[in-house]
Amino acid sequence: MTISIKVSVNGNYKVPVTTKYDDNEPTTEVISGRGLNSPFVKDIPAYHGKITTVTVGPEEEDKG
């Protein structure tokens, strides 16, 4: 079973998204809605039986 986690950002804003699975090292990606006509959506899979930790923020203005 897979659970879908979605994080979206729109407008001229950006936000760091940190994902950690079980005991592995966390990975961080900064997502931004700058210059898009619709929100940017990041899909994060969460797998059955595994510990998934997602941390979002803080949001800040994306000045390019």
C-alpha atoms as a PDB file:
ATOM      1  CA  MET A   1       0.000   0.000   0.000  1.00  0.00           C
ATOM      2  CA  THR A   2       1.277   3.473  -0.848  1.00  0.00           C
ATOM      3  CA  ILE A   3       0.001   6.673   0.732  1.00  0.00           C
ATOM      4  CA  SER A   4       0.413   9.835  -1.294  1.00  0.00           C
ATOM      5  CA  ILE A   5       1.548  13.029   0.401  1.00  0.00           C
ATOM      6  CA  LYS A   6       1.331  16.211  -1.655  1.00  0.00           C
ATOM      7  CA  VAL A   7       2.974  19.543  -0.877  1.00  0.00           C
ATOM      8  CA  SER A   8       2.109  22.516  -3.065  1.00  0.00           C
ATOM      9  CA  VAL A   9       3.310  26.089  -3.324  1.00  0.00           C
ATOM     10  CA  ASN A  10       2.089  28.868  -5.590  1.00  0.00           C
ATOM     11  CA  GLY A  11       2.863  32.451  -6.419  1.00  0.00           C
ATOM     12  CA  ASN A  12       6.269  33.904  -5.749  1.00  0.00           C
ATOM     13  CA  TYR A  13       6.913  31.724  -2.720  1.00  0.00           C
ATOM     14  CA  LYS A  14       9.285  28.873  -1.981  1.00  0.00           C
ATOM     15  CA  VAL A  15       9.401  26.315   0.782  1.00  0.00           C
ATOM     16  CA  PRO A  16      11.899  23.619   1.818  1.00  0.00           C
ATOM     17  CA  VAL A  17      10.516  20.077   1.990  1.00  0.00           C
ATOM     18  CA  THR A  18      12.547  17.546   3.983  1.00  0.00           C
ATOM     19  CA  THR A  19      11.743  13.849   3.633  1.00  0.00           C
ATOM     20  CA  LYS A  20      13.163  11.079   5.809  1.00  0.00           C
ATOM     21  CA  TYR A  21      12.467   7.354   5.368  1.00  0.00           C
ATOM     22  CA  ASP A  22      13.131   4.968   8.298  1.00  0.00           C
ATOM     23  CA  ASP A  23      16.714   5.436   9.524  1.00  0.00           C
ATOM     24  CA  ASN A  24      18.099   6.874   6.259  1.00  0.00           C
ATOM     25  CA  GLU A  25      19.536  10.363   5.978  1.00  0.00           C
ATOM     26  CA  PRO A  26      16.949  13.085   5.277  1.00  0.00           C
ATOM     27  CA  THR A  27      16.827  14.809   1.892  1.00  0.00           C
ATOM     28  CA  THR A  28      15.716  18.400   1.388  1.00  0.00           C
ATOM     29  CA  GLU A  29      14.347  20.009  -1.761  1.00  0.00           C
ATOM     30  CA  VAL A  30      13.228  23.627  -2.081  1.00  0.00           C
ATOM     31  CA  ILE A  31      10.077  23.896  -4.183  1.00  0.00           C
ATOM     32  CA  SER A  32       8.815  27.140  -5.685  1.00  0.00           C
ATOM     33  CA  GLY A  33       5.739  28.437  -7.459  1.00  0.00           C
ATOM     34  CA  ARG A  34       7.617  31.369  -9.010  1.00  0.00           C
ATOM     35  CA  GLY A  35       6.632  32.043 -12.624  1.00  0.00           C
ATOM     36  CA  LEU A  36       4.034  29.258 -12.803  1.00  0.00           C
ATOM     37  CA  ASN A  37       0.377  29.633 -13.791  1.00  0.00           C
ATOM     38  CA  SER A  38      -0.679  26.969 -11.305  1.00  0.00           C
ATOM     39  CA  PRO A  39       0.766  25.665  -8.033  1.00  0.00           C
ATOM     40  CA  PHE A  40       3.864  23.455  -8.084  1.00  0.00           C
ATOM     41  CA  VAL A  41       2.964  20.117  -6.499  1.00  0.00           C
ATOM     42  CA  LYS A  42       5.548  17.702  -5.084  1.00  0.00           C
ATOM     43  CA  ASP A  43       4.350  14.115  -4.621  1.00  0.00           C
ATOM     44  CA  ILE A  44       5.970  12.241  -1.740  1.00  0.00           C
ATOM     45  CA  PRO A  45       5.301   8.494  -1.514  1.00  0.00           C
ATOM     46  CA  ALA A  46       4.868   6.984   1.949  1.00  0.00           C
ATOM     47  CA  TYR A  47       5.168   3.185   1.970  1.00  0.00           C
ATOM     48  CA  HIS A  48       3.227   0.800   4.195  1.00  0.00           C
ATOM     49  CA  GLY A  49       5.362  -0.475   7.065  1.00  0.00           C
ATOM     50  CA  LYS A  50       8.005   2.243   6.765  1.00  0.00           C
ATOM     51  CA  ILE A  51       8.406   5.353   8.874  1.00  0.00           C
ATOM     52  CA  THR A  52       8.135   8.464   6.733  1.00  0.00           C
ATOM     53  CA  THR A  53       8.743  11.915   8.175  1.00  0.00           C
ATOM     54  CA  VAL A  54       7.984  15.017   6.100  1.00  0.00           C
ATOM     55  CA  THR A  55       8.873  18.495   7.333  1.00  0.00           C
ATOM     56  CA  VAL A  56       7.679  21.574   5.430  1.00  0.00           C
ATOM     57  CA  GLY A  57       8.767  25.148   5.921  1.00  0.00           C
ATOM     58  CA  PRO A  58       9.308  27.823   6.667  1.00  0.00           C
ATOM     59  CA  GLU A  59       7.791  29.440   3.587  1.00  0.00           C
ATOM     60  CA  GLU A  60       9.456  32.570   2.256  1.00  0.00           C
ATOM     61  CA  GLU A  61       9.165  34.925  -0.683  1.00  0.00           C
ATOM     62  CA  ASP A  62      10.981  33.762  -3.817  1.00  0.00           C
ATOM     63  CA  LYS A  63      12.586  36.849  -5.301  1.00  0.00           C
ATOM     64  CA  GLY A  64      14.447  34.826  -7.948  1.00  0.00           C
END
